[in-house]
Amino acid sequence: MTDTELRADIHSIEPIPDADRDSSGPQQMWIWAGANIAPVNWALGALGIILKLGLMETIAVIVLGNIVGCAIFATFTVMGHKTGVNQMVLSRSAFGVRGAYLPSILMFLMTLGWIGVNTYFPVKVSMGILGQFGVPDTWLVEMIVITLVMAVQVMIGVYGFYAIRTFEKYTVPPTIAIMMSVLAWTRPGVVNWNLTTSLPPGAHLAMLTMLMTAIGVGWGISWVTWASDYSRFVPRSTPSKAVFWYSYVGMFVPTVWLGILGATIASTTLDTDPAKMVSAVFGGPVSILVLLMVLHGPIATNILNVYSAALAALSAGLKLSRFWLTVIVGVAGYLVTLYFIFAPSFAKAFDHWMISLLLWMSPWAGVVLADFFIKRKGKIEVAELYRSPESSAYGDINWAGMIAFFAGLVAGWLVQDGLVSALQGPISIYLLGGADLSWLFGIGVAGLAYLGLGKFATSPTPAVASRAGS
């Protein structure tokens, strides 16, 4: 480890200078792999079993859904690589300088929830493992675990990108080795491979589509607002195709692997409680190895959340330093963790969370994809993203982007199901038998609407483009 590898990140939301763009493709892979080698993916896989689906079809949804979802995610990493700009500032080309404040604020709030979700798991699993060694499951012990995990996350998040990539690089391979040595599949009687659905045909299809939205395609989409925050550090000389595939593999392999692991364990435990899942499979000295993975996973994920939340807040025009925003994020994430810890049903709270965030992220993704790759063909006037709303070529509020976003939001809601009754759309409930196609309609309608309204969208004029390049 050299001084140049691990150093303080002095960057905020300005474009990353070429001299500081020294992250490699493999480093990007480790970043995303580390973020997804986490106990949350056990529960994601177990969710299909809890929804009364069969084991093999749950595995099929996890694999096929992530083939598509991870491709959508990896496409967004290309944007940061081409421009050197973080994801929320990049969305100004589609929504306008101040129009992009809305998704930036949503992104900031969303990461607070993710921090809570990801910290919930190490607390519950740690208590289950420590209980095997006589440590009582008390409120005080839980608070100590939460505090220790959150402190490490905030410290790395404050230090910035270089600490994040170094942490992932040196901790992910050992974590993988530990998990490979204790996979539940090596233990007899743990997996019920013959588990099949007990649902009637209509409800069966509805649950399959709900699972596809929540943990199949939806999982990759749930990461798109982070994508460019890290790929912006990759040198221009690295082919975009390499950035895409390294990011794709880093996201796909651990997500699918641990999702399947969670589904197989749940096939006998019939529970998403991580402590019960661990206790059913791992015991004795082996559980200590699992505890190490459990503590690594949320830290590896949440350091990205803490860092990107601060960038999102800065992208929304807040004038605080990245340091203080990171501290604020840590405190807020701590409080959200307490909510999940004391929620009556984590599975229901988690499903509420996933379905709700995908409702806005899908149309946002549709607008940004259409703007960057189709309308502007991957060419962004970077300097214009940072000019004042009055003088920027991308304007104050791009109403084409905003209208398309809300059109996609409505379209996604119409065909959304899930466990949140207030967000269940009439087409899904009354015409599709509860099938959930919200991610597809959200992206598709928003993207097509944006292109259809293209004549109202703001593009840099030749004079402005010349000024931006000068």
Protein backbone atom coordinates (compact mmCIF):
# COMPACT_ATOMS: atom_id res chain seq x y z
CA MET A 1 0.00 0.00 0.00
CA THR A 2 1.51 3.33 -1.03
CA ASP A 3 0.83 6.90 -0.07
CA THR A 4 -0.62 7.57 -3.51
CA GLU A 5 -3.01 4.64 -3.15
CA LEU A 6 -4.43 5.66 0.22
CA ARG A 7 -4.73 9.40 0.60
CA ALA A 8 -7.34 11.94 1.64
CA ASP A 9 -9.92 12.70 -1.02
CA ILE A 10 -10.02 16.48 -1.42
CA HIS A 11 -12.60 16.37 -4.21
CA SER A 12 -16.20 17.45 -3.95
CA ILE A 13 -18.60 17.53 -6.92
CA GLU A 14 -16.29 19.30 -9.35
CA PRO A 15 -15.01 17.26 -12.34
CA ILE A 16 -12.11 14.99 -11.38
CA PRO A 17 -8.86 16.27 -12.97
CA ASP A 18 -7.10 13.84 -15.28
CA ALA A 19 -4.11 13.73 -12.91
CA ASP A 20 -6.34 12.28 -10.16
CA ARG A 21 -8.17 9.77 -12.33
CA ASP A 22 -6.08 6.77 -11.37
CA SER A 23 -8.64 4.08 -10.52
CA SER A 24 -8.41 0.87 -12.54
CA GLY A 25 -11.12 -1.42 -13.89
CA PRO A 26 -10.38 -4.14 -11.30
CA GLN A 27 -10.62 -1.54 -8.51
CA GLN A 28 -14.08 -0.62 -9.76
CA MET A 29 -15.00 -4.30 -9.67
CA TRP A 30 -13.87 -4.63 -6.06
CA ILE A 31 -15.80 -1.50 -5.07
CA TRP A 32 -19.07 -2.91 -6.35
CA ALA A 33 -18.34 -6.45 -5.23
CA GLY A 34 -17.58 -5.24 -1.72
CA ALA A 35 -20.77 -3.19 -1.65
CA ASN A 36 -22.82 -6.28 -2.46
CA ILE A 37 -21.11 -8.93 -0.33
CA ALA A 38 -23.48 -8.08 2.46
CA PRO A 39 -26.13 -9.89 4.54
CA VAL A 40 -28.85 -7.76 2.95
CA ASN A 41 -28.57 -10.00 -0.11
CA TRP A 42 -29.40 -13.03 2.04
CA ALA A 43 -32.75 -11.42 2.85
CA LEU A 44 -33.24 -10.45 -0.79
CA GLY A 45 -32.99 -14.07 -1.81
CA ALA A 46 -35.12 -15.22 1.12
CA LEU A 47 -37.88 -12.79 0.15
CA GLY A 48 -38.99 -15.04 -2.71
CA ILE A 49 -39.48 -17.95 -0.32
CA ILE A 50 -41.42 -15.74 2.10
CA LEU A 51 -43.67 -14.69 -0.80
CA LYS A 52 -44.48 -18.43 -1.14
CA LEU A 53 -42.57 -19.00 -4.36
CA GLY A 54 -40.65 -22.18 -5.10
CA LEU A 55 -36.90 -22.37 -4.61
CA MET A 56 -35.88 -22.95 -8.22
CA GLU A 57 -38.11 -20.20 -9.61
CA THR A 58 -36.80 -17.80 -6.96
CA ILE A 59 -33.27 -18.60 -8.11
CA ALA A 60 -34.32 -18.07 -11.75
CA VAL A 61 -35.73 -14.61 -10.94
CA ILE A 62 -32.53 -13.67 -9.09
CA VAL A 63 -30.31 -14.73 -12.00
CA LEU A 64 -32.38 -13.50 -14.95
CA GLY A 65 -33.42 -10.26 -13.26
CA ASN A 66 -29.87 -9.32 -12.35
CA ILE A 67 -28.64 -10.03 -15.88
CA VAL A 68 -30.82 -7.11 -16.95
CA GLY A 69 -30.61 -4.96 -13.81
CA CYS A 70 -26.82 -5.07 -13.57
CA ALA A 71 -26.54 -4.12 -17.24
CA ILE A 72 -28.64 -1.00 -16.58
CA PHE A 73 -26.43 -0.16 -13.60
CA ALA A 74 -23.16 -0.71 -15.49
CA THR A 75 -24.39 1.56 -18.29
CA PHE A 76 -24.54 4.42 -15.78
CA THR A 77 -20.91 3.86 -14.77
CA VAL A 78 -19.94 4.71 -18.35
CA MET A 79 -21.37 8.22 -17.87
CA GLY A 80 -19.00 9.05 -15.01
CA HIS A 81 -16.05 7.58 -16.88
CA LYS A 82 -16.71 9.67 -19.98
CA THR A 83 -17.17 12.94 -18.09
CA GLY A 84 -15.37 12.73 -14.73
CA VAL A 85 -18.58 14.03 -13.09
CA ASN A 86 -20.66 12.51 -10.26
CA GLN A 87 -24.10 11.11 -11.05
CA MET A 88 -26.37 13.78 -9.60
CA VAL A 89 -24.52 16.67 -11.24
CA LEU A 90 -24.66 14.74 -14.53
CA SER A 91 -28.44 14.66 -14.31
CA ARG A 92 -28.45 18.46 -14.71
CA SER A 93 -28.16 17.99 -18.47
CA ALA A 94 -31.57 16.29 -18.42
CA PHE A 95 -33.35 18.24 -15.67
CA GLY A 96 -31.62 21.63 -15.68
CA VAL A 97 -29.28 22.97 -13.00
CA ARG A 98 -31.92 23.51 -10.34
CA GLY A 99 -34.34 20.98 -11.79
CA ALA A 100 -31.80 18.31 -10.82
CA TYR A 101 -32.07 19.39 -7.19
CA LEU A 102 -35.20 17.23 -6.85
CA PRO A 103 -33.56 13.87 -7.69
CA SER A 104 -30.49 14.95 -5.70
CA ILE A 105 -32.62 15.46 -2.58
CA LEU A 106 -34.42 12.15 -3.18
CA MET A 107 -31.04 10.46 -3.56
CA PHE A 108 -29.83 11.99 -0.28
CA LEU A 109 -32.89 10.82 1.63
CA MET A 110 -32.77 7.38 0.01
CA THR A 111 -29.22 6.72 1.15
CA LEU A 112 -30.21 7.37 4.76
CA GLY A 113 -32.66 4.49 4.45
CA TRP A 114 -30.02 2.25 2.89
CA ILE A 115 -27.61 3.00 5.71
CA GLY A 116 -30.28 1.89 8.15
CA VAL A 117 -31.05 -1.27 6.17
CA ASN A 118 -27.41 -2.27 5.85
CA THR A 119 -26.59 -1.60 9.49
CA TYR A 120 -29.63 -3.56 10.67
CA PHE A 121 -28.18 -6.84 9.42
CA PRO A 122 -24.83 -6.85 11.23
CA VAL A 123 -26.58 -5.95 14.45
CA LYS A 124 -29.10 -8.79 14.20
CA VAL A 125 -26.62 -11.38 12.95
CA SER A 126 -23.95 -10.31 15.44
CA MET A 127 -26.43 -10.75 18.27
CA GLY A 128 -27.36 -14.19 16.99
CA ILE A 129 -23.72 -15.26 16.80
CA LEU A 130 -22.67 -13.65 20.06
CA GLY A 131 -25.61 -15.38 21.73
CA GLN A 132 -23.95 -18.70 20.95
CA PHE A 133 -21.10 -17.60 23.22
CA GLY A 134 -23.27 -16.44 26.08
CA VAL A 135 -23.48 -12.73 25.22
CA PRO A 136 -27.03 -11.57 26.08
CA ASP A 137 -29.18 -9.92 23.40
CA THR A 138 -29.87 -6.66 25.18
CA TRP A 139 -30.62 -3.14 24.06
CA LEU A 140 -27.25 -1.96 25.37
CA VAL A 141 -25.26 -4.54 23.42
CA GLU A 142 -27.18 -3.72 20.24
CA MET A 143 -26.44 -0.02 20.70
CA ILE A 144 -22.73 -0.76 21.14
CA VAL A 145 -22.63 -2.77 17.90
CA ILE A 146 -24.55 -0.07 15.99
CA THR A 147 -22.24 2.65 17.31
CA LEU A 148 -19.03 0.80 16.44
CA VAL A 149 -20.18 -0.07 12.90
CA MET A 150 -21.48 3.45 12.21
CA ALA A 151 -18.28 5.07 13.48
CA VAL A 152 -16.12 3.03 11.09
CA GLN A 153 -18.46 3.79 8.17
CA VAL A 154 -18.42 7.53 8.75
CA MET A 155 -14.65 7.61 9.25
CA ILE A 156 -14.00 5.92 5.89
CA GLY A 157 -16.70 8.01 4.21
CA VAL A 158 -15.06 11.22 5.45
CA TYR A 159 -11.69 10.10 4.11
CA GLY A 160 -13.31 9.65 0.70
CA PHE A 161 -12.89 7.70 -2.51
CA TYR A 162 -9.29 6.56 -2.06
CA ALA A 163 -10.03 5.02 1.34
CA ILE A 164 -13.12 3.34 -0.12
CA ARG A 165 -11.29 1.70 -3.00
CA THR A 166 -8.43 0.57 -0.72
CA PHE A 167 -10.83 -0.89 1.85
CA GLU A 168 -12.67 -2.85 -0.84
CA LYS A 169 -9.48 -4.01 -2.56
CA TYR A 170 -7.86 -5.48 0.55
CA THR A 171 -10.94 -6.82 2.35
CA VAL A 172 -13.14 -8.27 -0.39
CA PRO A 173 -10.90 -11.23 -1.43
CA PRO A 174 -10.46 -12.50 2.17
CA THR A 175 -14.19 -12.07 2.73
CA ILE A 176 -14.96 -14.16 -0.33
CA ALA A 177 -12.54 -16.85 0.86
CA ILE A 178 -14.19 -16.95 4.28
CA MET A 179 -17.68 -17.22 2.84
CA MET A 180 -16.64 -19.88 0.35
CA SER A 181 -15.33 -21.98 3.26
CA VAL A 182 -18.63 -21.92 5.15
CA LEU A 183 -21.25 -22.03 2.41
CA ALA A 184 -24.43 -23.56 3.65
CA TRP A 185 -24.61 -25.88 0.66
CA THR A 186 -21.86 -28.04 2.16
CA ARG A 187 -24.05 -28.93 5.12
CA PRO A 188 -26.68 -31.69 4.80
CA GLY A 189 -30.35 -30.98 5.46
CA VAL A 190 -30.04 -27.22 5.10
CA VAL A 191 -31.60 -26.81 1.64
CA ASN A 192 -35.04 -27.99 0.54
CA TRP A 193 -34.40 -28.25 -3.19
CA ASN A 194 -37.91 -29.60 -3.78
CA LEU A 195 -39.71 -26.58 -2.33
CA THR A 196 -42.45 -25.47 -4.76
CA THR A 197 -45.05 -22.73 -4.74
CA SER A 198 -48.42 -23.16 -3.08
CA LEU A 199 -49.96 -20.15 -4.82
CA PRO A 200 -52.79 -20.30 -7.39
CA PRO A 201 -51.83 -19.26 -10.97
CA GLY A 202 -52.89 -15.60 -10.75
CA ALA A 203 -51.23 -14.92 -7.42
CA HIS A 204 -48.21 -16.92 -8.55
CA LEU A 205 -47.60 -14.62 -11.52
CA ALA A 206 -48.13 -11.55 -9.36
CA MET A 207 -45.51 -12.69 -6.85
CA LEU A 208 -43.03 -13.53 -9.60
CA THR A 209 -43.29 -10.02 -11.05
CA MET A 210 -43.14 -8.44 -7.59
CA LEU A 211 -39.96 -10.35 -6.86
CA MET A 212 -38.51 -9.36 -10.23
CA THR A 213 -39.15 -5.70 -9.41
CA ALA A 214 -37.88 -5.84 -5.83
CA ILE A 215 -34.75 -8.00 -6.12
CA GLY A 216 -34.30 -8.99 -9.77
CA VAL A 217 -34.07 -6.11 -12.22
CA GLY A 218 -34.85 -3.71 -9.40
CA TRP A 219 -31.66 -4.42 -7.47
CA GLY A 220 -29.41 -3.17 -10.26
CA ILE A 221 -31.63 -0.14 -10.81
CA SER A 222 -31.44 0.68 -7.11
CA TRP A 223 -27.69 1.38 -7.55
CA VAL A 224 -27.79 3.63 -10.62
CA THR A 225 -27.73 6.93 -8.69
CA TRP A 226 -24.33 5.95 -7.21
CA ALA A 227 -22.70 4.65 -10.40
CA SER A 228 -20.77 7.64 -11.73
CA ASP A 229 -19.58 8.79 -8.30
CA TYR A 230 -16.79 6.18 -8.51
CA SER A 231 -16.24 5.59 -12.22
CA ARG A 232 -15.38 9.30 -12.57
CA PHE A 233 -11.98 8.39 -11.09
CA VAL A 234 -11.13 5.97 -13.95
CA PRO A 235 -8.67 7.42 -16.54
CA ARG A 236 -10.00 8.45 -19.92
CA SER A 237 -7.50 6.06 -21.51
CA THR A 238 -9.38 3.08 -20.06
CA PRO A 239 -11.98 1.85 -22.58
CA SER A 240 -15.58 2.48 -21.51
CA LYS A 241 -16.33 -1.13 -22.40
CA ALA A 242 -13.88 -2.24 -19.70
CA VAL A 243 -15.49 0.06 -17.12
CA PHE A 244 -18.89 -1.41 -18.03
CA TRP A 245 -17.85 -5.06 -17.69
CA TYR A 246 -15.77 -4.69 -14.54
CA SER A 247 -18.67 -2.87 -12.88
CA TYR A 248 -21.14 -5.43 -14.21
CA VAL A 249 -19.20 -8.40 -12.84
CA GLY A 250 -18.59 -6.66 -9.51
CA MET A 251 -22.33 -6.13 -9.08
CA PHE A 252 -23.67 -9.35 -10.61
CA VAL A 253 -21.56 -12.10 -9.03
CA PRO A 254 -21.98 -11.33 -5.30
CA THR A 255 -25.61 -10.22 -5.68
CA VAL A 256 -26.66 -13.43 -7.42
CA TRP A 257 -24.43 -15.67 -5.33
CA LEU A 258 -25.61 -14.38 -1.94
CA GLY A 259 -29.20 -14.05 -3.16
CA ILE A 260 -29.21 -17.75 -4.03
CA LEU A 261 -27.55 -18.52 -0.69
CA GLY A 262 -30.32 -16.66 1.12
CA ALA A 263 -33.03 -18.42 -0.86
CA THR A 264 -31.59 -21.85 -0.19
CA ILE A 265 -31.24 -21.24 3.55
CA ALA A 266 -34.78 -19.81 3.72
CA SER A 267 -36.12 -22.92 1.98
CA THR A 268 -35.87 -24.66 5.36
CA THR A 269 -35.95 -21.80 7.87
CA LEU A 270 -38.83 -20.03 6.05
CA ASP A 271 -37.63 -16.78 7.58
CA THR A 272 -35.79 -13.61 6.52
CA ASP A 273 -34.48 -12.93 10.03
CA PRO A 274 -30.70 -13.01 9.46
CA ALA A 275 -29.95 -14.17 13.00
CA LYS A 276 -32.22 -17.19 12.58
CA MET A 277 -30.75 -17.93 9.17
CA VAL A 278 -27.22 -17.94 10.55
CA SER A 279 -28.12 -19.96 13.62
CA ALA A 280 -29.78 -22.60 11.44
CA VAL A 281 -26.64 -23.16 9.37
CA PHE A 282 -23.53 -21.99 11.17
CA GLY A 283 -22.46 -22.72 14.69
CA GLY A 284 -19.47 -22.86 16.99
CA PRO A 285 -16.11 -21.52 15.80
CA VAL A 286 -17.34 -21.27 12.20
CA SER A 287 -19.81 -18.59 13.27
CA ILE A 288 -16.89 -16.31 14.16
CA LEU A 289 -15.81 -16.38 10.51
CA VAL A 290 -19.38 -15.51 9.51
CA LEU A 291 -19.35 -12.65 12.02
CA LEU A 292 -16.29 -11.18 10.27
CA MET A 293 -18.14 -11.27 6.94
CA VAL A 294 -21.25 -9.82 8.56
CA LEU A 295 -19.31 -6.88 9.95
CA HIS A 296 -17.45 -6.34 6.68
CA GLY A 297 -20.51 -6.39 4.43
CA PRO A 298 -22.48 -3.38 5.71
CA ILE A 299 -19.33 -1.33 6.18
CA ALA A 300 -18.28 -2.03 2.57
CA THR A 301 -21.77 -1.01 1.41
CA ASN A 302 -22.40 1.94 3.67
CA ILE A 303 -19.11 3.71 3.04
CA LEU A 304 -20.44 4.15 -0.49
CA ASN A 305 -23.77 5.35 0.88
CA VAL A 306 -22.15 7.83 3.26
CA TYR A 307 -19.85 9.22 0.56
CA SER A 308 -22.49 9.44 -2.17
CA ALA A 309 -25.10 10.93 0.17
CA ALA A 310 -22.76 13.84 0.83
CA LEU A 311 -22.20 14.29 -2.92
CA ALA A 312 -25.97 14.25 -3.51
CA ALA A 313 -26.51 16.95 -0.89
CA LEU A 314 -23.80 19.10 -2.47
CA SER A 315 -25.37 18.50 -5.88
CA ALA A 316 -28.65 19.85 -4.48
CA GLY A 317 -26.97 23.17 -3.75
CA LEU A 318 -26.23 22.78 -0.04
CA LYS A 319 -23.25 24.89 0.99
CA LEU A 320 -21.85 22.74 3.79
CA SER A 321 -18.50 20.99 3.47
CA ARG A 322 -18.37 17.32 2.50
CA PHE A 323 -16.96 16.58 5.98
CA TRP A 324 -19.94 17.98 7.87
CA LEU A 325 -22.44 16.51 5.44
CA THR A 326 -20.83 13.11 6.01
CA VAL A 327 -21.19 13.52 9.77
CA ILE A 328 -24.83 14.53 9.37
CA VAL A 329 -25.45 11.49 7.17
CA GLY A 330 -23.90 9.24 9.82
CA VAL A 331 -26.16 10.62 12.58
CA ALA A 332 -29.28 10.38 10.42
CA GLY A 333 -28.35 6.86 9.32
CA TYR A 334 -27.95 5.91 12.98
CA LEU A 335 -31.52 6.99 13.70
CA VAL A 336 -32.88 5.13 10.66
CA THR A 337 -31.08 1.99 11.86
CA LEU A 338 -32.93 2.23 15.16
CA TYR A 339 -36.22 2.38 13.23
CA PHE A 340 -35.46 -0.86 11.40
CA ILE A 341 -34.19 -2.54 14.57
CA PHE A 342 -37.45 -1.87 16.39
CA ALA A 343 -39.80 -2.33 13.41
CA PRO A 344 -42.35 -5.15 14.05
CA SER A 345 -41.53 -6.83 10.71
CA PHE A 346 -38.27 -6.11 8.94
CA ALA A 347 -39.33 -8.06 5.82
CA LYS A 348 -42.42 -5.87 5.39
CA ALA A 349 -40.51 -2.67 6.19
CA PHE A 350 -37.80 -3.64 3.70
CA ASP A 351 -40.31 -4.43 0.93
CA HIS A 352 -42.00 -1.06 1.55
CA TRP A 353 -38.61 0.59 1.21
CA MET A 354 -37.51 -1.20 -1.99
CA ILE A 355 -40.79 -0.74 -3.87
CA SER A 356 -41.06 2.92 -2.86
CA LEU A 357 -37.55 3.89 -3.96
CA LEU A 358 -37.83 2.04 -7.29
CA LEU A 359 -40.99 4.00 -8.06
CA TRP A 360 -38.95 7.20 -8.52
CA MET A 361 -35.59 5.74 -9.54
CA SER A 362 -36.94 3.96 -12.63
CA PRO A 363 -38.37 7.08 -14.35
CA TRP A 364 -35.29 9.07 -13.32
CA ALA A 365 -33.11 6.41 -14.95
CA GLY A 366 -35.26 6.49 -18.09
CA VAL A 367 -34.85 10.25 -18.48
CA VAL A 368 -31.10 10.24 -17.83
CA LEU A 369 -30.43 7.30 -20.17
CA ALA A 370 -32.45 8.91 -22.97
CA ASP A 371 -30.72 12.25 -22.46
CA PHE A 372 -27.13 11.00 -22.27
CA PHE A 373 -27.03 8.18 -24.79
CA ILE A 374 -29.75 9.10 -27.33
CA LYS A 375 -30.30 12.84 -27.26
CA ARG A 376 -26.70 13.91 -26.59
CA LYS A 377 -24.96 10.73 -27.82
CA GLY A 378 -22.67 10.67 -24.80
CA LYS A 379 -21.33 14.20 -25.30
CA ILE A 380 -21.81 16.55 -22.35
CA GLU A 381 -20.52 20.11 -22.02
CA VAL A 382 -19.13 19.58 -18.55
CA ALA A 383 -18.45 23.23 -17.72
CA GLU A 384 -22.12 24.07 -18.39
CA LEU A 385 -23.20 21.68 -15.64
CA TYR A 386 -21.55 23.95 -13.07
CA ARG A 387 -22.60 27.38 -14.33
CA SER A 388 -25.35 29.35 -12.65
CA PRO A 389 -28.94 28.41 -13.59
CA GLU A 390 -29.31 31.70 -15.43
CA SER A 391 -26.27 31.23 -17.67
CA SER A 392 -25.94 27.46 -18.07
CA ALA A 393 -26.72 26.01 -21.48
CA TYR A 394 -28.72 23.32 -19.67
CA GLY A 395 -31.00 25.94 -18.16
CA ASP A 396 -32.60 26.42 -14.77
CA ILE A 397 -35.37 23.79 -14.95
CA ASN A 398 -35.66 21.61 -18.04
CA TRP A 399 -39.41 21.03 -18.10
CA ALA A 400 -39.12 18.29 -20.70
CA GLY A 401 -37.13 16.26 -18.19
CA MET A 402 -39.43 17.08 -15.29
CA ILE A 403 -42.63 16.28 -17.21
CA ALA A 404 -41.15 13.03 -18.50
CA PHE A 405 -40.07 12.10 -14.98
CA PHE A 406 -43.55 12.60 -13.54
CA ALA A 407 -45.12 10.82 -16.51
CA GLY A 408 -42.90 7.83 -15.79
CA LEU A 409 -43.73 8.12 -12.09
CA VAL A 410 -47.46 7.88 -12.81
CA ALA A 411 -46.97 5.08 -15.34
CA GLY A 412 -44.91 3.09 -12.86
CA TRP A 413 -47.47 3.58 -10.11
CA LEU A 414 -50.32 2.37 -12.34
CA VAL A 415 -48.68 -1.04 -12.74
CA GLN A 416 -47.09 -1.36 -9.29
CA ASP A 417 -48.11 -3.86 -6.64
CA GLY A 418 -46.01 -4.60 -3.56
CA LEU A 419 -46.99 -4.60 0.10
CA VAL A 420 -47.59 -0.84 0.35
CA SER A 421 -51.36 -0.47 -0.18
CA ALA A 422 -51.15 3.28 -0.88
CA LEU A 423 -48.72 2.65 -3.77
CA GLN A 424 -50.63 -0.20 -5.42
CA GLY A 425 -51.75 0.95 -8.86
CA PRO A 426 -55.22 0.28 -10.32
CA ILE A 427 -53.98 -1.37 -13.52
CA SER A 428 -51.84 -3.80 -11.56
CA ILE A 429 -54.59 -4.62 -9.07
CA TYR A 430 -57.66 -4.73 -11.33
CA LEU A 431 -56.34 -5.66 -14.77
CA LEU A 432 -53.05 -7.53 -14.23
CA GLY A 433 -54.03 -9.59 -11.20
CA GLY A 434 -51.42 -7.91 -9.02
CA ALA A 435 -48.52 -8.21 -11.47
CA ASP A 436 -45.83 -5.57 -10.89
CA LEU A 437 -44.23 -4.05 -14.01
CA SER A 438 -43.41 -0.69 -12.45
CA TRP A 439 -39.67 -0.73 -13.22
CA LEU A 440 -40.30 -1.40 -16.93
CA PHE A 441 -43.06 1.17 -17.40
CA GLY A 442 -41.23 3.73 -15.28
CA ILE A 443 -38.08 3.59 -17.41
CA GLY A 444 -39.85 3.14 -20.74
CA VAL A 445 -42.51 5.82 -20.43
CA ALA A 446 -40.14 8.40 -18.94
CA GLY A 447 -37.49 7.82 -21.59
CA LEU A 448 -39.91 7.92 -24.51
CA ALA A 449 -41.71 10.97 -23.11
CA TYR A 450 -38.40 12.80 -22.74
CA LEU A 451 -37.42 12.10 -26.33
CA GLY A 452 -40.90 13.08 -27.50
CA LEU A 453 -40.61 16.39 -25.67
CA GLY A 454 -37.07 16.86 -26.97
CA LYS A 455 -37.87 20.03 -28.87
CA PHE A 456 -38.47 21.74 -25.52
CA ALA A 457 -35.24 20.43 -23.97
CA THR A 458 -32.27 22.72 -23.62
CA SER A 459 -29.10 21.93 -25.60
CA PRO A 460 -25.86 23.93 -25.69
CA THR A 461 -25.78 26.35 -28.57
CA PRO A 462 -22.62 26.34 -30.74
CA ALA A 463 -21.44 29.54 -29.09
CA VAL A 464 -21.96 28.21 -25.62
CA ALA A 465 -20.38 24.88 -26.49
CA SER A 466 -17.32 26.73 -27.77
CA ARG A 467 -17.16 28.75 -24.56
CA ALA A 468 -17.44 25.57 -22.46
CA GLY A 469 -14.53 24.00 -24.24
CA SER A 470 -12.30 27.06 -23.99
